[in-house]
Amino acid sequence: RAIKGIVESGATHIAFGDLFLADIR
């Protein structure tokens, strides 16, 4: 639901501060 809202606001990408946990990525 949140992602739908930020796409509607004009976002094209979402960034994450992950470092090396491949399963989380």
PDB file of all heavy atoms in Angstrom:
ATOM      1  N   ARG A   1       0.835  -1.207   0.000  1.00  0.00           N
ATOM      2  CA  ARG A   1       0.000   0.000   0.000  1.00  0.00           C
ATOM      3  C   ARG A   1       0.872   1.261   0.000  1.00  0.00           C
ATOM      4  O   ARG A   1       0.603   2.215  -0.749  1.00  0.00           O
ATOM      5  CB  ARG A   1      -0.906  -0.009   1.234  1.00  0.00           C
ATOM      6  CG  ARG A   1      -1.842   1.177   1.318  1.00  0.00           C
ATOM      7  CD  ARG A   1      -2.708   1.057   2.571  1.00  0.00           C
ATOM      8  NE  ARG A   1      -3.521  -0.154   2.537  1.00  0.00           N
ATOM      9  CZ  ARG A   1      -4.233  -0.593   3.574  1.00  0.00           C
ATOM     10  NH1 ARG A   1      -4.202   0.070   4.723  1.00  0.00           N
ATOM     11  NH2 ARG A   1      -4.956  -1.673   3.464  1.00  0.00           N
ATOM     12  N   ALA A   2       1.938   1.251   0.811  1.00  0.00           N
ATOM     13  CA  ALA A   2       2.835   2.409   0.873  1.00  0.00           C
ATOM     14  C   ALA A   2       3.575   2.606  -0.447  1.00  0.00           C
ATOM     15  O   ALA A   2       3.729   3.734  -0.927  1.00  0.00           O
ATOM     16  CB  ALA A   2       3.836   2.232   2.013  1.00  0.00           C
ATOM     17  N   ILE A   3       4.035   1.508  -1.031  1.00  0.00           N
ATOM     18  CA  ILE A   3       4.760   1.597  -2.301  1.00  0.00           C
ATOM     19  C   ILE A   3       3.861   2.159  -3.394  1.00  0.00           C
ATOM     20  O   ILE A   3       4.279   2.997  -4.203  1.00  0.00           O
ATOM     21  CB  ILE A   3       5.319   0.216  -2.681  1.00  0.00           C
ATOM     22  CG1 ILE A   3       6.512  -0.121  -1.773  1.00  0.00           C
ATOM     23  CG2 ILE A   3       5.736   0.171  -4.150  1.00  0.00           C
ATOM     24  CD1 ILE A   3       6.959  -1.560  -1.863  1.00  0.00           C
ATOM     25  N   LYS A   4       2.612   1.731  -3.422  1.00  0.00           N
ATOM     26  CA  LYS A   4       1.657   2.270  -4.398  1.00  0.00           C
ATOM     27  C   LYS A   4       1.536   3.784  -4.241  1.00  0.00           C
ATOM     28  O   LYS A   4       1.514   4.534  -5.227  1.00  0.00           O
ATOM     29  CB  LYS A   4       0.300   1.598  -4.215  1.00  0.00           C
ATOM     30  CG  LYS A   4      -0.766   2.016  -5.223  1.00  0.00           C
ATOM     31  CD  LYS A   4      -2.032   1.196  -5.020  1.00  0.00           C
ATOM     32  CE  LYS A   4      -3.081   1.542  -6.069  1.00  0.00           C
ATOM     33  NZ  LYS A   4      -3.635   2.890  -5.889  1.00  0.00           N
ATOM     34  N   GLY A   5       1.495   4.237  -2.983  1.00  0.00           N
ATOM     35  CA  GLY A   5       1.359   5.663  -2.731  1.00  0.00           C
ATOM     36  C   GLY A   5       2.571   6.466  -3.175  1.00  0.00           C
ATOM     37  O   GLY A   5       2.428   7.552  -3.746  1.00  0.00           O
ATOM     38  N   ILE A   6       3.771   5.934  -2.933  1.00  0.00           N
ATOM     39  CA  ILE A   6       4.950   6.721  -3.311  1.00  0.00           C
ATOM     40  C   ILE A   6       5.198   6.664  -4.824  1.00  0.00           C
ATOM     41  O   ILE A   6       5.771   7.608  -5.386  1.00  0.00           O
ATOM     42  CB  ILE A   6       6.208   6.333  -2.506  1.00  0.00           C
ATOM     43  CG1 ILE A   6       6.652   4.910  -2.777  1.00  0.00           C
ATOM     44  CG2 ILE A   6       5.973   6.558  -1.023  1.00  0.00           C
ATOM     45  CD1 ILE A   6       7.933   4.541  -2.044  1.00  0.00           C
ATOM     46  N   VAL A   7       4.748   5.602  -5.493  1.00  0.00           N
ATOM     47  CA  VAL A   7       4.799   5.587  -6.957  1.00  0.00           C
ATOM     48  C   VAL A   7       3.884   6.684  -7.502  1.00  0.00           C
ATOM     49  O   VAL A   7       4.255   7.425  -8.426  1.00  0.00           O
ATOM     50  CB  VAL A   7       4.391   4.204  -7.508  1.00  0.00           C
ATOM     51  CG1 VAL A   7       4.160   4.276  -9.019  1.00  0.00           C
ATOM     52  CG2 VAL A   7       5.461   3.170  -7.206  1.00  0.00           C
ATOM     53  N   GLU A   8       2.708   6.803  -6.907  1.00  0.00           N
ATOM     54  CA  GLU A   8       1.769   7.839  -7.339  1.00  0.00           C
ATOM     55  C   GLU A   8       2.313   9.239  -7.079  1.00  0.00           C
ATOM     56  O   GLU A   8       1.935  10.196  -7.772  1.00  0.00           O
ATOM     57  CB  GLU A   8       0.427   7.650  -6.639  1.00  0.00           C
ATOM     58  CG  GLU A   8      -0.315   6.396  -7.102  1.00  0.00           C
ATOM     59  CD  GLU A   8      -1.555   6.095  -6.273  1.00  0.00           C
ATOM     60  OE1 GLU A   8      -1.753   6.775  -5.231  1.00  0.00           O
ATOM     61  OE2 GLU A   8      -2.321   5.180  -6.654  1.00  0.00           O
ATOM     62  N   SER A   9       3.227   9.367  -6.105  1.00  0.00           N
ATOM     63  CA  SER A   9       3.823  10.675  -5.811  1.00  0.00           C
ATOM     64  C   SER A   9       4.960  11.026  -6.764  1.00  0.00           C
ATOM     65  O   SER A   9       5.509  12.122  -6.702  1.00  0.00           O
ATOM     66  CB  SER A   9       4.339  10.701  -4.374  1.00  0.00           C
ATOM     67  OG  SER A   9       5.548   9.954  -4.251  1.00  0.00           O
ATOM     68  N   GLY A  10       5.324  10.088  -7.656  1.00  0.00           N
ATOM     69  CA  GLY A  10       6.355  10.368  -8.648  1.00  0.00           C
ATOM     70  C   GLY A  10       7.670   9.665  -8.434  1.00  0.00           C
ATOM     71  O   GLY A  10       8.627   9.885  -9.184  1.00  0.00           O
ATOM     72  N   ALA A  11       7.765   8.802  -7.419  1.00  0.00           N
ATOM     73  CA  ALA A  11       9.013   8.076  -7.175  1.00  0.00           C
ATOM     74  C   ALA A  11       9.235   7.026  -8.256  1.00  0.00           C
ATOM     75  O   ALA A  11       8.293   6.387  -8.737  1.00  0.00           O
ATOM     76  CB  ALA A  11       8.982   7.413  -5.801  1.00  0.00           C
ATOM     77  N   THR A  12      10.503   6.843  -8.619  1.00  0.00           N
ATOM     78  CA  THR A  12      10.877   5.809  -9.587  1.00  0.00           C
ATOM     79  C   THR A  12      11.714   4.709  -8.947  1.00  0.00           C
ATOM     80  O   THR A  12      11.820   3.618  -9.503  1.00  0.00           O
ATOM     81  CB  THR A  12      11.688   6.412 -10.744  1.00  0.00           C
ATOM     82  OG1 THR A  12      12.883   7.033 -10.216  1.00  0.00           O
ATOM     83  CG2 THR A  12      10.878   7.450 -11.501  1.00  0.00           C
ATOM     84  N   HIS A  13      12.324   4.996  -7.796  1.00  0.00           N
ATOM     85  CA  HIS A  13      13.217   4.052  -7.139  1.00  0.00           C
ATOM     86  C   HIS A  13      13.008   4.116  -5.626  1.00  0.00           C
ATOM     87  O   HIS A  13      12.545   5.128  -5.090  1.00  0.00           O
ATOM     88  CB  HIS A  13      14.687   4.364  -7.432  1.00  0.00           C
ATOM     89  CG  HIS A  13      15.082   4.172  -8.869  1.00  0.00           C
ATOM     90  ND1 HIS A  13      14.670   5.032  -9.876  1.00  0.00           N
ATOM     91  CD2 HIS A  13      15.872   3.217  -9.466  1.00  0.00           C
ATOM     92  CE1 HIS A  13      15.176   4.625 -11.023  1.00  0.00           C
ATOM     93  NE2 HIS A  13      15.904   3.534 -10.805  1.00  0.00           N
ATOM     94  N   ILE A  14      13.402   3.038  -4.960  1.00  0.00           N
ATOM     95  CA  ILE A  14      13.482   3.044  -3.501  1.00  0.00           C
ATOM     96  C   ILE A  14      14.838   2.480  -3.111  1.00  0.00           C
ATOM     97  O   ILE A  14      15.291   1.473  -3.673  1.00  0.00           O
ATOM     98  CB  ILE A  14      12.327   2.261  -2.841  1.00  0.00           C
ATOM     99  CG1 ILE A  14      12.410   2.364  -1.318  1.00  0.00           C
ATOM    100  CG2 ILE A  14      12.286   0.820  -3.299  1.00  0.00           C
ATOM    101  CD1 ILE A  14      11.159   1.887  -0.598  1.00  0.00           C
ATOM    102  N   ALA A  15      15.515   3.148  -2.177  1.00  0.00           N
ATOM    103  CA  ALA A  15      16.871   2.779  -1.774  1.00  0.00           C
ATOM    104  C   ALA A  15      16.865   2.163  -0.389  1.00  0.00           C
ATOM    105  O   ALA A  15      16.057   2.547   0.474  1.00  0.00           O
ATOM    106  CB  ALA A  15      17.789   3.999  -1.799  1.00  0.00           C
ATOM    107  N   PHE A  16      17.796   1.226  -0.186  1.00  0.00           N
ATOM    108  CA  PHE A  16      17.944   0.531   1.089  1.00  0.00           C
ATOM    109  C   PHE A  16      19.409   0.593   1.531  1.00  0.00           C
ATOM    110  O   PHE A  16      20.321   0.569   0.709  1.00  0.00           O
ATOM    111  CB  PHE A  16      17.519  -0.933   0.960  1.00  0.00           C
ATOM    112  CG  PHE A  16      16.113  -1.132   0.471  1.00  0.00           C
ATOM    113  CD1 PHE A  16      15.847  -1.312  -0.881  1.00  0.00           C
ATOM    114  CD2 PHE A  16      15.047  -1.126   1.360  1.00  0.00           C
ATOM    115  CE1 PHE A  16      14.553  -1.505  -1.340  1.00  0.00           C
ATOM    116  CE2 PHE A  16      13.746  -1.314   0.914  1.00  0.00           C
ATOM    117  CZ  PHE A  16      13.495  -1.498  -0.447  1.00  0.00           C
ATOM    118  N   GLY A  17      19.619   0.614   2.842  1.00  0.00           N
ATOM    119  CA  GLY A  17      20.966   0.696   3.387  1.00  0.00           C
ATOM    120  C   GLY A  17      21.597  -0.644   3.688  1.00  0.00           C
ATOM    121  O   GLY A  17      22.458  -0.725   4.566  1.00  0.00           O
ATOM    122  N   ASP A  18      21.197  -1.687   2.972  1.00  0.00           N
ATOM    123  CA  ASP A  18      21.771  -3.016   3.190  1.00  0.00           C
ATOM    124  C   ASP A  18      23.227  -3.046   2.743  1.00  0.00           C
ATOM    125  O   ASP A  18      23.622  -2.374   1.787  1.00  0.00           O
ATOM    126  CB  ASP A  18      20.971  -4.068   2.424  1.00  0.00           C
ATOM    127  CG  ASP A  18      19.517  -4.121   2.858  1.00  0.00           C
ATOM    128  OD1 ASP A  18      19.269  -4.277   4.067  1.00  0.00           O
ATOM    129  OD2 ASP A  18      18.636  -3.985   1.987  1.00  0.00           O
ATOM    130  N   LEU A  19      24.003  -3.906   3.421  1.00  0.00           N
ATOM    131  CA  LEU A  19      25.439  -3.961   3.159  1.00  0.00           C
ATOM    132  C   LEU A  19      25.890  -5.268   2.513  1.00  0.00           C
ATOM    133  O   LEU A  19      26.598  -5.254   1.514  1.00  0.00           O
ATOM    134  CB  LEU A  19      26.210  -3.736   4.459  1.00  0.00           C
ATOM    135  CG  LEU A  19      26.192  -2.290   4.958  1.00  0.00           C
ATOM    136  CD1 LEU A  19      26.537  -2.208   6.433  1.00  0.00           C
ATOM    137  CD2 LEU A  19      27.156  -1.448   4.135  1.00  0.00           C
ATOM    138  N   PHE A  20      25.496  -6.412   3.088  1.00  0.00           N
ATOM    139  CA  PHE A  20      25.973  -7.650   2.481  1.00  0.00           C
ATOM    140  C   PHE A  20      25.058  -8.859   2.671  1.00  0.00           C
ATOM    141  O   PHE A  20      25.426  -9.965   2.278  1.00  0.00           O
ATOM    142  CB  PHE A  20      27.389  -7.998   2.971  1.00  0.00           C
ATOM    143  CG  PHE A  20      27.519  -8.168   4.470  1.00  0.00           C
ATOM    144  CD1 PHE A  20      26.951  -9.244   5.136  1.00  0.00           C
ATOM    145  CD2 PHE A  20      28.242  -7.251   5.218  1.00  0.00           C
ATOM    146  CE1 PHE A  20      27.079  -9.400   6.502  1.00  0.00           C
ATOM    147  CE2 PHE A  20      28.380  -7.401   6.588  1.00  0.00           C
ATOM    148  CZ  PHE A  20      27.804  -8.479   7.235  1.00  0.00           C
ATOM    149  N   LEU A  21      23.905  -8.702   3.251  1.00  0.00           N
ATOM    150  CA  LEU A  21      23.005  -9.845   3.457  1.00  0.00           C
ATOM    151  C   LEU A  21      22.217 -10.106   2.169  1.00  0.00           C
ATOM    152  O   LEU A  21      21.215  -9.448   1.879  1.00  0.00           O
ATOM    153  CB  LEU A  21      22.067  -9.587   4.626  1.00  0.00           C
ATOM    154  CG  LEU A  21      22.760  -9.433   5.991  1.00  0.00           C
ATOM    155  CD1 LEU A  21      21.733  -9.171   7.084  1.00  0.00           C
ATOM    156  CD2 LEU A  21      23.590 -10.666   6.325  1.00  0.00           C
ATOM    157  N   ALA A  22      22.685 -11.097   1.403  1.00  0.00           N
ATOM    158  CA  ALA A  22      22.130 -11.358   0.083  1.00  0.00           C
ATOM    159  C   ALA A  22      20.667 -11.789   0.141  1.00  0.00           C
ATOM    160  O   ALA A  22      19.882 -11.460  -0.755  1.00  0.00           O
ATOM    161  CB  ALA A  22      22.960 -12.414  -0.635  1.00  0.00           C
ATOM    162  N   ASP A  23      20.275 -12.520   1.192  1.00  0.00           N
ATOM    163  CA  ASP A  23      18.884 -12.978   1.275  1.00  0.00           C
ATOM    164  C   ASP A  23      17.928 -11.811   1.494  1.00  0.00           C
ATOM    165  O   ASP A  23      16.822 -11.790   0.944  1.00  0.00           O
ATOM    166  CB  ASP A  23      18.731 -14.034   2.374  1.00  0.00           C
ATOM    167  CG  ASP A  23      19.216 -13.554   3.732  1.00  0.00           C
ATOM    168  OD1 ASP A  23      20.029 -12.600   3.784  1.00  0.00           O
ATOM    169  OD2 ASP A  23      18.798 -14.134   4.755  1.00  0.00           O
ATOM    170  N   ILE A  24      18.366 -10.823   2.290  1.00  0.00           N
ATOM    171  CA  ILE A  24      17.534  -9.634   2.511  1.00  0.00           C
ATOM    172  C   ILE A  24      17.391  -8.845   1.214  1.00  0.00           C
ATOM    173  O   ILE A  24      16.301  -8.393   0.845  1.00  0.00           O
ATOM    174  CB  ILE A  24      18.126  -8.745   3.619  1.00  0.00           C
ATOM    175  CG1 ILE A  24      18.173  -9.499   4.944  1.00  0.00           C
ATOM    176  CG2 ILE A  24      17.331  -7.452   3.758  1.00  0.00           C
ATOM    177  CD1 ILE A  24      16.821  -9.890   5.490  1.00  0.00           C
ATOM    178  N   ARG A  25      18.514  -8.690   0.502  1.00  0.00           N
ATOM    179  CA  ARG A  25      18.459  -7.970  -0.773  1.00  0.00           C
ATOM    180  C   ARG A  25      17.520  -8.677  -1.747  1.00  0.00           C
ATOM    181  O   ARG A  25      16.690  -8.027  -2.406  1.00  0.00           O
ATOM    182  CB  ARG A  25      19.865  -7.854  -1.362  1.00  0.00           C
ATOM    183  CG  ARG A  25      19.862  -7.205  -2.742  1.00  0.00           C
ATOM    184  CD  ARG A  25      21.258  -6.931  -3.259  1.00  0.00           C
ATOM    185  NE  ARG A  25      21.215  -6.439  -4.619  1.00  0.00           N
ATOM    186  CZ  ARG A  25      22.047  -5.561  -5.137  1.00  0.00           C
ATOM    187  NH1 ARG A  25      23.029  -5.070  -4.391  1.00  0.00           N
ATOM    188  NH2 ARG A  25      21.945  -5.166  -6.391  1.00  0.00           N
TER     189      ARG A  25
END
